[in-house]
Amino acid sequence: MESVVNIVSRIIGYVLFVPFICFYSYVLGPVLKAVLIPGGVVVLALIMGPAKAWRVWKAANG
C-alpha cells in the first residue's frame, strides 16, 4: 500500500513540477530579465549619479 501512495505522490509531484518549470523557463524567466536588468541599471545610475553612470555606460558599450 505504501508503494502505491509513493507512486501516486510522485506522479502528482511531476504533474505540478514540470508545467511550472516550463512556465518559468519560457514565460516568467524572460519577463523577469526584461524587468530586473534595466531596473538594476537604473538603481546603479541613481547611486553613481547620472553623469558618471552615462560615462560608464558609454565605456561599457564601446
Protein backbone atom coordinates (compact mmCIF):
# COMPACT_ATOMS: atom_id res chain seq x y z
CA MET A 1 0.00 0.00 0.00
CA GLU A 2 2.83 2.38 0.81
CA SER A 3 4.37 1.95 -2.63
CA VAL A 4 1.06 2.87 -4.32
CA VAL A 5 0.88 6.04 -2.24
CA ASN A 6 4.50 6.78 -3.09
CA ILE A 7 3.88 6.29 -6.81
CA VAL A 8 0.74 8.47 -6.78
CA SER A 9 2.57 11.13 -4.80
CA ARG A 10 5.44 11.10 -7.28
CA ILE A 11 3.06 11.37 -10.25
CA ILE A 12 1.26 14.33 -8.66
CA GLY A 13 4.63 15.93 -7.97
CA TYR A 14 5.68 15.62 -11.61
CA VAL A 15 2.32 16.89 -12.82
CA LEU A 16 2.79 20.02 -10.72
CA PHE A 17 6.55 20.43 -11.22
CA VAL A 18 7.00 20.06 -14.98
CA PRO A 19 4.48 22.74 -16.04
CA PHE A 20 5.96 25.18 -13.52
CA ILE A 21 9.47 24.62 -14.91
CA CYS A 22 8.22 25.15 -18.47
CA PHE A 23 6.32 28.29 -17.42
CA TYR A 24 9.37 29.69 -15.65
CA SER A 25 11.74 28.86 -18.49
CA TYR A 26 9.69 30.22 -21.36
CA VAL A 27 7.45 32.90 -19.81
CA LEU A 28 8.50 34.12 -16.40
CA GLY A 29 12.27 34.00 -16.95
CA PRO A 30 12.31 36.40 -19.91
CA VAL A 31 9.81 38.72 -18.22
CA LEU A 32 11.95 38.88 -15.08
CA LYS A 33 15.06 39.57 -17.17
CA ALA A 34 13.26 42.34 -19.03
CA VAL A 35 12.26 43.99 -15.74
CA LEU A 36 15.16 43.30 -13.37
CA ILE A 37 18.13 44.10 -15.62
CA PRO A 38 17.01 47.62 -16.61
CA GLY A 39 15.82 48.22 -13.04
CA GLY A 40 19.26 47.28 -11.72
CA VAL A 41 20.91 49.63 -14.20
CA VAL A 42 18.61 52.46 -13.10
CA VAL A 43 19.41 51.83 -9.43
CA LEU A 44 23.13 51.90 -10.19
CA ALA A 45 22.65 55.14 -12.12
CA LEU A 46 20.87 56.64 -9.12
CA ILE A 47 23.71 55.59 -6.83
CA MET A 48 26.53 56.79 -9.07
CA GLY A 49 24.82 59.88 -10.41
CA PRO A 50 23.70 60.46 -13.97
CA ALA A 51 26.96 61.86 -15.40
CA LYS A 52 29.19 59.09 -14.06
CA ALA A 53 26.61 56.41 -14.98
CA TRP A 54 26.49 57.73 -18.55
CA ARG A 55 30.31 57.64 -18.82
CA VAL A 56 30.40 54.07 -17.52
CA TRP A 57 27.58 53.07 -19.91
CA LYS A 58 29.44 54.54 -22.89
CA ALA A 59 32.71 52.88 -21.84
CA ALA A 60 30.98 49.52 -21.48
CA ASN A 61 29.35 49.73 -24.92
CA GLY A 62 32.18 51.00 -26.95
